Amino acid sequence: MAQAVMKFEKPILKLSKRFLGIAEAFEKTNPNLKILLVQAGIPLSLREYLAYALVIAAGTFVLPFIALIPIAGKIFGFEARTMLILLLLCAFMGWFQFVYFTLYPQLLVTKRAKEIDKDLLFALRHLLIKIRSGISLFESMRGISQGGYGLVSEEFRRIVSEINAGKGEVAVLEEAAYRNTSVYFRRALWQIASSMRAGADIGSTLTNIVNTLSAEQKISIRKYGSELSPLALGYMMITIIIPTLGISIMIVLSQLMSSLQIGKPVFYIVYGMVVVCQYFIIGVIKTRRPAIDV
């Protein structure tokens, strides 16, 4: 499995051990986080991860508060109201950091699932061809692990390694399905494991899996295509038509009303809003794009 994107500093990990008792109180409020940590490849238990998050959140609260006290005092005065506002602001920053840590494994899982789905269909077709050619399932999976299918190959490398270590193929496939982030990959592994338990033809099972996945990807592509038209219309309205008409109307009104003056700041504001809207819409289009390679 690929290493987690998040890096854990050893001094903070050592300090977080003192927060394990406090972290225990947060375990019940994050019941799904435990499996997300496994799927994201984060090598910490739920309590250790929450303790680490608490240390980071506490540092985000305390350190800026201490650093900003003299600055805020010099600008606004050392009044109780100023200190209270600063305290609340830093407390919000610490809370936001903790929430970010609790959501970060889900972001990793979603990103990893998209990377797996991108190469999954090609890998399964490769596996089907090998099985139909009379090659054993283990050797076929070994071939996929060396086939350059990105994270799919990494998953099969781990599966092959665990089978070589002496574990049963069915048990390894079921464990891989449990820790995996892709719904399609998880479904494929479960169906292959179920076929092996029942003694059914794995080739027929893989054929059904490939056909189903291919059909679902075609549906997702058509759905994405149907979503592009309203998104493109909204993009044109927000970034082209509305700014152009708005500036034109303001220019006309400025000629009719001497009190209304349009200077460079107005154009800078409009330009900044257009850039932000473009960035937002492009991000929406990118996130809606199906995780399919071509």
Foldseek 3Di string as FASTA:
>chain_A
DDAAPDDDDPVLLVVLVVCLVVLVVCCVVQVPLQLLCLLRRPPDGSSSLLSSLLSVLVCQQPVVLVVCQVVQCVVPNNDPVSSVVSNVVSNVRSVVSSVCSSCVSVVSLVVQQLLCLAQVLVLLVQLLVCVVVVHDNLVSLQCSLVVPSPVSVVLSVVLNVVVVVPDDNLVSLQVSLSSHSHPLSSVLSPQLSVCVVVVHRSSVSSVVSSVVSVVVVVVLVVVLVVVVVVLVVVLCVLQPVVLVVVVVVLVVVVVVDVVRDDDPVVVVVSVVSNVVVVVVSVVVSVVSDHSYHD
